């Protein structure tokens, strides 16, 4: 009798797992990038099942947000799944879709330790040094003005 209980318990757990994977897949294909990234991160913890869904989103005919989120999920994989995720990214380099290629190039760059530069604020000196300028007034008198430029590390 315990054998029957374990089978029904296992079946319910499998049904619940399938339902959870369907919900995560639907969220992954969302147009909202935040929702898609959260779903991709959750799928990255689902081992082979997550890998299959993320691979489908990356190589399928889906919007760019889904592809970017899928690449994020693949980058987030840990343990033994990292090598498989890296192979999926390398397959993406050979894909015909230019969006998939671009997403995989950027993702591989980040995987290998690259750091993307953020858009800067125009005209600022990042060194944080003092800059001395001479300003000429209308009456011809020159004055020196000292400005302190600081750079905050964000």
N, C-alpha and C. Protein backbone atom coordinates (compact mmCIF):
# COMPACT_ATOMS: atom_id res chain seq x y z
N UNK A 1 0.81 -1.18 0.00
CA UNK A 1 0.00 0.00 0.00
C UNK A 1 0.87 1.26 0.00
N UNK A 2 2.01 1.22 0.60
CA UNK A 2 2.89 2.37 0.57
C UNK A 2 3.41 2.61 -0.83
N UNK A 3 3.52 1.56 -1.61
CA UNK A 3 3.99 1.69 -2.99
C UNK A 3 3.02 2.53 -3.81
N UNK A 4 1.71 2.30 -3.63
CA UNK A 4 0.70 3.07 -4.36
C UNK A 4 0.70 4.53 -3.94
N UNK A 5 0.89 4.79 -2.65
CA UNK A 5 0.92 6.17 -2.17
C UNK A 5 2.10 6.94 -2.74
N UNK A 6 3.24 6.29 -2.83
CA UNK A 6 4.41 6.98 -3.37
C UNK A 6 4.25 7.28 -4.86
N UNK A 7 3.58 6.36 -5.59
CA UNK A 7 3.34 6.62 -7.01
C UNK A 7 2.41 7.80 -7.22
N UNK A 8 1.34 7.88 -6.45
CA UNK A 8 0.39 8.99 -6.62
C UNK A 8 1.04 10.30 -6.17
N UNK A 9 1.86 10.25 -5.11
CA UNK A 9 2.58 11.44 -4.67
C UNK A 9 3.55 11.92 -5.73
N UNK A 10 4.27 10.98 -6.34
CA UNK A 10 5.23 11.32 -7.40
C UNK A 10 4.51 11.90 -8.61
N UNK A 11 3.36 11.35 -8.95
CA UNK A 11 2.59 11.83 -10.09
C UNK A 11 2.11 13.26 -9.85
N UNK A 12 1.63 13.55 -8.61
CA UNK A 12 1.19 14.89 -8.30
C UNK A 12 2.34 15.89 -8.35
N UNK A 13 3.50 15.45 -7.85
CA UNK A 13 4.67 16.32 -7.89
C UNK A 13 5.09 16.59 -9.33
N UNK A 14 5.03 15.58 -10.17
CA UNK A 14 5.38 15.78 -11.57
C UNK A 14 4.40 16.73 -12.26
N UNK A 15 3.12 16.60 -11.95
CA UNK A 15 2.12 17.49 -12.52
C UNK A 15 2.35 18.92 -12.05
N UNK A 16 2.71 19.08 -10.79
CA UNK A 16 2.98 20.41 -10.25
C UNK A 16 4.24 20.99 -10.90
N UNK A 17 5.23 20.16 -11.14
CA UNK A 17 6.46 20.62 -11.79
C UNK A 17 6.18 21.05 -13.21
N UNK A 18 5.40 20.27 -13.93
CA UNK A 18 5.05 20.62 -15.31
C UNK A 18 4.27 21.93 -15.34
N UNK A 19 3.36 22.10 -14.40
CA UNK A 19 2.58 23.34 -14.34
C UNK A 19 3.48 24.54 -14.04
N UNK A 20 4.42 24.37 -13.11
CA UNK A 20 5.36 25.45 -12.79
C UNK A 20 6.22 25.80 -14.00
N UNK A 21 6.69 24.80 -14.71
CA UNK A 21 7.51 25.06 -15.90
C UNK A 21 6.73 25.79 -16.99
N UNK A 22 5.45 25.46 -17.13
CA UNK A 22 4.60 26.17 -18.10
C UNK A 22 4.45 27.64 -17.73
N UNK A 23 4.23 27.90 -16.43
CA UNK A 23 4.09 29.29 -15.97
C UNK A 23 5.38 30.07 -16.20
N UNK A 24 6.51 29.44 -15.87
CA UNK A 24 7.80 30.12 -16.06
C UNK A 24 8.07 30.37 -17.54
N UNK A 25 7.69 29.43 -18.39
CA UNK A 25 7.88 29.61 -19.84
C UNK A 25 7.03 30.77 -20.35
N UNK A 26 5.79 30.86 -19.89
CA UNK A 26 4.93 31.98 -20.29
C UNK A 26 5.50 33.32 -19.84
N UNK A 27 6.04 33.35 -18.61
CA UNK A 27 6.65 34.59 -18.12
C UNK A 27 7.92 34.92 -18.89
N UNK A 28 8.67 33.90 -19.28
CA UNK A 28 9.90 34.12 -20.05
C UNK A 28 9.60 34.77 -21.39
N UNK A 29 8.49 34.42 -21.99
CA UNK A 29 8.12 34.95 -23.30
C UNK A 29 7.38 36.28 -23.20
N UNK A 30 7.34 36.86 -22.02
CA UNK A 30 6.66 38.14 -21.80
C UNK A 30 7.44 39.27 -22.47
N UNK A 31 6.77 40.35 -22.81
CA UNK A 31 7.42 41.53 -23.37
C UNK A 31 8.06 42.39 -22.30
N UNK A 32 7.70 42.18 -21.05
CA UNK A 32 8.29 42.92 -19.93
C UNK A 32 9.61 42.24 -19.58
N UNK A 33 10.73 42.95 -19.76
CA UNK A 33 12.05 42.36 -19.59
C UNK A 33 12.30 41.95 -18.14
N UNK A 34 11.76 42.68 -17.18
CA UNK A 34 11.96 42.32 -15.76
C UNK A 34 11.31 40.98 -15.44
N UNK A 35 10.09 40.81 -15.89
CA UNK A 35 9.38 39.56 -15.67
C UNK A 35 10.10 38.41 -16.38
N UNK A 36 10.54 38.66 -17.61
CA UNK A 36 11.23 37.64 -18.37
C UNK A 36 12.55 37.24 -17.72
N UNK A 37 13.29 38.22 -17.19
CA UNK A 37 14.57 37.91 -16.54
C UNK A 37 14.37 37.13 -15.25
N UNK A 38 13.34 37.48 -14.49
CA UNK A 38 13.06 36.74 -13.26
C UNK A 38 12.71 35.28 -13.58
N UNK A 39 11.90 35.08 -14.61
CA UNK A 39 11.54 33.72 -15.01
C UNK A 39 12.77 32.97 -15.50
N UNK A 40 13.64 33.65 -16.24
CA UNK A 40 14.86 33.00 -16.75
C UNK A 40 15.77 32.59 -15.59
N UNK A 41 15.88 33.45 -14.59
CA UNK A 41 16.70 33.11 -13.44
C UNK A 41 16.13 31.90 -12.71
N UNK A 42 14.80 31.87 -12.54
CA UNK A 42 14.17 30.71 -11.89
C UNK A 42 14.36 29.45 -12.72
N UNK A 43 14.29 29.58 -14.03
CA UNK A 43 14.52 28.41 -14.90
C UNK A 43 15.97 27.93 -14.83
N UNK A 44 16.89 28.82 -14.54
CA UNK A 44 18.28 28.41 -14.47
C UNK A 44 18.52 27.44 -13.31
N UNK A 45 17.65 27.42 -12.34
CA UNK A 45 17.76 26.50 -11.21
C UNK A 45 17.07 25.17 -11.49
N UNK A 46 16.43 25.02 -12.62
CA UNK A 46 15.65 23.81 -12.92
C UNK A 46 16.43 22.78 -13.73
N UNK A 47 17.74 22.90 -13.79
CA UNK A 47 18.64 21.94 -14.43
C UNK A 47 18.25 21.69 -15.89
N UNK A 48 18.05 20.41 -16.28
CA UNK A 48 17.81 20.08 -17.69
C UNK A 48 16.52 20.67 -18.22
N UNK A 49 15.46 20.66 -17.40
CA UNK A 49 14.18 21.21 -17.84
C UNK A 49 14.32 22.70 -18.16
N UNK A 50 15.01 23.43 -17.31
CA UNK A 50 15.24 24.85 -17.54
C UNK A 50 16.09 25.09 -18.77
N UNK A 51 17.11 24.24 -18.95
CA UNK A 51 17.99 24.38 -20.12
C UNK A 51 17.21 24.22 -21.41
N UNK A 52 16.32 23.25 -21.45
CA UNK A 52 15.53 23.01 -22.67
C UNK A 52 14.65 24.22 -22.98
N UNK A 53 14.00 24.78 -21.96
CA UNK A 53 13.11 25.91 -22.18
C UNK A 53 13.90 27.16 -22.58
N UNK A 54 15.03 27.41 -21.91
CA UNK A 54 15.85 28.58 -22.25
C UNK A 54 16.43 28.44 -23.66
N UNK A 55 16.83 27.25 -24.04
CA UNK A 55 17.36 27.02 -25.38
C UNK A 55 16.28 27.25 -26.43
N UNK A 56 15.07 26.79 -26.14
CA UNK A 56 13.95 27.01 -27.07
C UNK A 56 13.68 28.49 -27.26
N UNK A 57 13.72 29.25 -26.17
CA UNK A 57 13.46 30.69 -26.25
C UNK A 57 14.57 31.41 -27.01
N UNK A 58 15.81 30.96 -26.84
CA UNK A 58 16.93 31.61 -27.50
C UNK A 58 16.93 31.34 -29.01
N UNK A 59 16.63 30.12 -29.40
CA UNK A 59 16.70 29.75 -30.81
C UNK A 59 15.36 29.84 -31.54
N UNK A 60 14.26 30.00 -30.82
CA UNK A 60 12.95 30.04 -31.44
C UNK A 60 12.64 31.40 -32.04
N UNK A 61 11.45 31.49 -32.62
CA UNK A 61 10.98 32.73 -33.24
C UNK A 61 10.23 33.54 -32.17
N UNK A 62 11.00 34.13 -31.26
CA UNK A 62 10.44 34.87 -30.15
C UNK A 62 11.00 36.29 -30.15
N UNK A 63 10.38 37.21 -29.38
CA UNK A 63 10.86 38.59 -29.35
C UNK A 63 12.26 38.69 -28.73
N UNK A 64 12.89 39.82 -28.97
CA UNK A 64 14.25 40.05 -28.50
C UNK A 64 14.34 40.02 -26.97
N UNK A 65 13.29 40.49 -26.30
CA UNK A 65 13.31 40.46 -24.83
C UNK A 65 13.40 39.04 -24.32
N UNK A 66 12.70 38.12 -24.96
CA UNK A 66 12.75 36.71 -24.54
C UNK A 66 14.14 36.13 -24.79
N UNK A 67 14.76 36.49 -25.90
CA UNK A 67 16.10 36.00 -26.21
C UNK A 67 17.14 36.54 -25.22
N UNK A 68 17.03 37.82 -24.89
CA UNK A 68 17.95 38.40 -23.92
C UNK A 68 17.77 37.77 -22.55
N UNK A 69 16.53 37.56 -22.15
CA UNK A 69 16.26 36.95 -20.86
C UNK A 69 16.76 35.49 -20.84
N UNK A 70 16.59 34.78 -21.94
CA UNK A 70 17.06 33.40 -22.01
C UNK A 70 18.58 33.35 -21.89
N UNK A 71 19.27 34.28 -22.54
CA UNK A 71 20.73 34.34 -22.42
C UNK A 71 21.13 34.64 -20.97
N UNK A 72 20.38 35.51 -20.31
CA UNK A 72 20.65 35.81 -18.90
C UNK A 72 20.47 34.55 -18.05
N UNK A 73 19.41 33.81 -18.31
CA UNK A 73 19.17 32.57 -17.57
C UNK A 73 20.27 31.55 -17.80
N UNK A 74 20.75 31.46 -19.03
CA UNK A 74 21.85 30.53 -19.33
C UNK A 74 23.13 30.95 -18.62
N UNK A 75 23.38 32.27 -18.56
CA UNK A 75 24.56 32.75 -17.83
C UNK A 75 24.45 32.49 -16.34
N UNK A 76 23.23 32.42 -15.83
CA UNK A 76 23.01 32.23 -14.39
C UNK A 76 23.10 30.78 -13.95
N UNK A 77 23.22 29.87 -14.89
CA UNK A 77 23.27 28.45 -14.52
C UNK A 77 24.54 28.15 -13.74
N UNK A 78 24.41 27.25 -12.79
CA UNK A 78 25.51 26.91 -11.92
C UNK A 78 25.86 25.43 -12.02
N UNK A 79 27.02 25.09 -11.48
CA UNK A 79 27.42 23.69 -11.37
C UNK A 79 27.67 23.04 -12.71
N UNK A 80 27.17 21.84 -12.84
CA UNK A 80 27.43 21.07 -14.05
C UNK A 80 26.71 21.62 -15.28
N UNK A 81 25.73 22.48 -15.07
CA UNK A 81 24.96 23.03 -16.18
C UNK A 81 25.70 24.18 -16.87
N UNK A 82 26.74 24.74 -16.23
CA UNK A 82 27.46 25.86 -16.84
C UNK A 82 28.08 25.46 -18.17
N UNK A 83 28.65 24.29 -18.23
CA UNK A 83 29.30 23.85 -19.47
C UNK A 83 28.27 23.69 -20.59
N UNK A 84 27.12 23.14 -20.26
CA UNK A 84 26.06 22.98 -21.26
C UNK A 84 25.53 24.33 -21.72
N UNK A 85 25.40 25.27 -20.79
CA UNK A 85 24.94 26.61 -21.14
C UNK A 85 25.95 27.31 -22.05
N UNK A 86 27.22 27.10 -21.79
CA UNK A 86 28.27 27.67 -22.64
C UNK A 86 28.20 27.10 -24.06
N UNK A 87 27.93 25.82 -24.16
CA UNK A 87 27.77 25.18 -25.47
C UNK A 87 26.57 25.76 -26.23
N UNK A 88 25.50 26.04 -25.51
CA UNK A 88 24.31 26.64 -26.15
C UNK A 88 24.65 28.02 -26.69
N UNK A 89 25.41 28.81 -25.92
CA UNK A 89 25.83 30.13 -26.40
C UNK A 89 26.69 30.00 -27.65
N UNK A 90 27.59 29.03 -27.67
CA UNK A 90 28.46 28.86 -28.84
C UNK A 90 27.66 28.40 -30.06
N UNK A 91 26.61 27.62 -29.85
CA UNK A 91 25.72 27.24 -30.96
C UNK A 91 25.01 28.47 -31.50
N UNK A 92 24.70 29.40 -30.62
CA UNK A 92 24.01 30.62 -31.02
C UNK A 92 24.84 31.49 -31.93
N UNK A 93 26.17 31.39 -31.83
CA UNK A 93 27.04 32.16 -32.72
C UNK A 93 26.90 31.72 -34.17
N UNK A 94 26.48 30.48 -34.38
CA UNK A 94 26.34 29.93 -35.73
C UNK A 94 24.90 30.03 -36.24
N UNK A 95 24.02 30.59 -35.44
CA UNK A 95 22.60 30.67 -35.80
C UNK A 95 22.39 31.70 -36.89
N UNK A 96 21.36 31.50 -37.71
CA UNK A 96 21.09 32.40 -38.83
C UNK A 96 20.44 33.72 -38.39
N UNK A 97 19.69 33.70 -37.30
CA UNK A 97 19.00 34.91 -36.83
C UNK A 97 20.02 35.88 -36.23
N UNK A 98 20.02 37.11 -36.74
CA UNK A 98 21.02 38.08 -36.28
C UNK A 98 20.80 38.51 -34.84
N UNK A 99 19.55 38.52 -34.37
CA UNK A 99 19.27 38.86 -32.98
C UNK A 99 19.86 37.81 -32.04
N UNK A 100 19.68 36.56 -32.41
CA UNK A 100 20.23 35.47 -31.60
C UNK A 100 21.75 35.55 -31.57
N UNK A 101 22.36 35.82 -32.71
CA UNK A 101 23.82 35.96 -32.77
C UNK A 101 24.30 37.09 -31.86
N UNK A 102 23.65 38.23 -31.96
CA UNK A 102 24.06 39.40 -31.17
C UNK A 102 23.92 39.13 -29.67
N UNK A 103 22.83 38.50 -29.28
CA UNK A 103 22.61 38.18 -27.87
C UNK A 103 23.67 37.20 -27.38
N UNK A 104 24.01 36.22 -28.19
CA UNK A 104 25.01 35.23 -27.79
C UNK A 104 26.41 35.83 -27.73
N UNK A 105 26.73 36.74 -28.64
CA UNK A 105 28.05 37.39 -28.61
C UNK A 105 28.20 38.18 -27.31
N UNK A 106 27.20 38.97 -26.98
CA UNK A 106 27.25 39.77 -25.76
C UNK A 106 27.29 38.89 -24.52
N UNK A 107 26.50 37.84 -24.52
CA UNK A 107 26.44 36.95 -23.37
C UNK A 107 27.76 36.20 -23.17
N UNK A 108 28.38 35.76 -24.25
CA UNK A 108 29.68 35.09 -24.13
C UNK A 108 30.74 36.05 -23.62
N UNK A 109 30.68 37.29 -24.07
CA UNK A 109 31.61 38.32 -23.60
C UNK A 109 31.48 38.48 -22.08
N UNK A 110 30.25 38.53 -21.60
CA UNK A 110 30.02 38.67 -20.16
C UNK A 110 30.42 37.41 -19.40
N UNK A 111 30.19 36.25 -20.00
CA UNK A 111 30.58 35.00 -19.35
C UNK A 111 32.08 34.88 -19.16
N UNK A 112 32.81 35.41 -20.10
CA UNK A 112 34.27 35.30 -20.05
C UNK A 112 34.91 36.43 -19.26
N UNK A 113 34.10 37.17 -18.50
CA UNK A 113 34.64 38.18 -17.60
C UNK A 113 34.68 39.58 -18.15
N UNK A 114 34.10 39.82 -19.30
CA UNK A 114 34.07 41.17 -19.85
C UNK A 114 33.14 42.07 -19.06
N UNK A 115 33.46 43.34 -19.04
CA UNK A 115 32.64 44.32 -18.33
C UNK A 115 32.15 45.33 -19.35
N UNK A 116 30.85 45.54 -19.39
CA UNK A 116 30.29 46.51 -20.31
C UNK A 116 30.39 47.90 -19.69
N UNK A 117 30.81 48.87 -20.49
CA UNK A 117 30.91 50.24 -20.01
C UNK A 117 29.54 50.90 -20.10
N UNK A 118 29.20 51.59 -19.05
CA UNK A 118 27.94 52.33 -19.03
C UNK A 118 28.12 53.63 -19.78
N UNK A 119 27.02 54.17 -20.27
CA UNK A 119 27.07 55.46 -20.95
C UNK A 119 27.47 56.52 -19.95
N UNK A 120 28.45 57.33 -20.31
CA UNK A 120 28.98 58.32 -19.38
C UNK A 120 28.19 59.61 -19.41
N UNK A 121 28.54 60.49 -18.49
CA UNK A 121 27.96 61.82 -18.45
C UNK A 121 28.89 62.73 -19.23
N UNK A 122 28.40 63.42 -20.22
CA UNK A 122 29.24 64.19 -21.11
C UNK A 122 30.04 65.29 -20.45
N UNK A 123 31.30 65.38 -20.80
CA UNK A 123 32.14 66.49 -20.39
C UNK A 123 32.76 66.42 -19.02
N UNK A 124 32.53 65.42 -18.26
CA UNK A 124 33.10 65.34 -16.92
C UNK A 124 34.47 64.69 -16.96
N UNK A 125 35.31 65.11 -16.05
CA UNK A 125 36.61 64.50 -15.91
C UNK A 125 36.51 63.41 -14.84
N UNK A 126 36.74 62.17 -15.19
CA UNK A 126 36.57 61.10 -14.22
C UNK A 126 37.67 61.02 -13.18
N UNK A 127 38.73 61.78 -13.33
CA UNK A 127 39.85 61.66 -12.40
C UNK A 127 39.57 62.29 -11.04
N UNK A 128 38.66 63.23 -10.95
CA UNK A 128 38.34 63.88 -9.69
C UNK A 128 39.35 64.96 -9.31
N UNK A 129 40.14 65.41 -10.27
CA UNK A 129 41.15 66.42 -9.99
C UNK A 129 40.54 67.82 -10.05
N UNK A 130 41.28 68.78 -9.47
CA UNK A 130 40.86 70.17 -9.55
C UNK A 130 41.21 70.74 -10.91
N UNK A 131 40.32 71.54 -11.44
CA UNK A 131 40.56 72.18 -12.72
C UNK A 131 40.52 73.69 -12.50
N UNK A 132 41.57 74.36 -12.94
CA UNK A 132 41.65 75.81 -12.77
C UNK A 132 41.41 76.45 -14.13
N UNK A 133 40.43 77.35 -14.18
CA UNK A 133 40.09 78.03 -15.42
C UNK A 133 40.21 79.53 -15.21
N UNK A 134 40.57 80.22 -16.28
CA UNK A 134 40.58 81.68 -16.22
C UNK A 134 39.35 82.20 -16.94
N UNK A 135 38.66 83.08 -16.27
CA UNK A 135 37.45 83.66 -16.83
C UNK A 135 37.69 85.15 -17.03
N UNK A 136 37.42 85.63 -18.22
CA UNK A 136 37.58 87.05 -18.52
C UNK A 136 36.22 87.72 -18.42
N UNK A 137 36.15 88.75 -17.58
CA UNK A 137 34.91 89.49 -17.43
C UNK A 137 34.83 90.57 -18.51
N UNK A 138 33.72 91.25 -18.59
CA UNK A 138 33.51 92.29 -19.60
C UNK A 138 34.51 93.44 -19.47
N UNK A 139 34.92 93.74 -18.26
CA UNK A 139 35.84 94.87 -18.07
C UNK A 139 37.31 94.47 -18.29
N UNK A 140 37.57 93.24 -18.71
CA UNK A 140 38.92 92.82 -19.06
C UNK A 140 39.71 92.24 -17.91
N UNK A 141 39.12 92.13 -16.73
CA UNK A 141 39.83 91.59 -15.58
C UNK A 141 39.71 90.06 -15.61
N UNK A 142 40.86 89.41 -15.47
CA UNK A 142 40.86 87.94 -15.45
C UNK A 142 40.84 87.46 -14.01
N UNK A 143 39.98 86.48 -13.76
CA UNK A 143 39.94 85.85 -12.44
C UNK A 143 40.10 84.35 -12.61
N UNK A 144 40.67 83.73 -11.59
CA UNK A 144 40.85 82.28 -11.64
C UNK A 144 39.74 81.63 -10.82
N UNK A 145 39.16 80.62 -11.40
CA UNK A 145 38.09 79.88 -10.75
C UNK A 145 38.56 78.44 -10.61
N UNK A 146 38.41 77.89 -9.42
CA UNK A 146 38.78 76.49 -9.18
C UNK A 146 37.51 75.67 -9.07
N UNK A 147 37.43 74.63 -9.86
CA UNK A 147 36.29 73.72 -9.82
C UNK A 147 36.80 72.36 -9.40
N UNK A 148 36.04 71.71 -8.55
CA UNK A 148 36.41 70.37 -8.14
C UNK A 148 35.47 69.39 -8.85
N UNK A 149 36.06 68.56 -9.63
CA UNK A 149 35.29 67.54 -10.33
C UNK A 149 35.48 66.24 -9.57
N UNK A 150 34.40 65.64 -9.18
CA UNK A 150 34.50 64.37 -8.47
C UNK A 150 33.87 63.30 -9.32
N UNK A 151 34.39 62.13 -9.13
CA UNK A 151 33.87 60.98 -9.87
C UNK A 151 33.40 59.95 -8.86
N UNK A 152 32.14 59.67 -8.89
CA UNK A 152 31.64 58.66 -7.95
C UNK A 152 31.68 57.29 -8.61
N UNK A 153 32.16 56.33 -7.90
CA UNK A 153 32.22 54.95 -8.42
C UNK A 153 30.88 54.30 -8.19
N UNK A 154 30.20 54.05 -9.27
CA UNK A 154 28.85 53.48 -9.18
C UNK A 154 28.94 51.99 -9.40
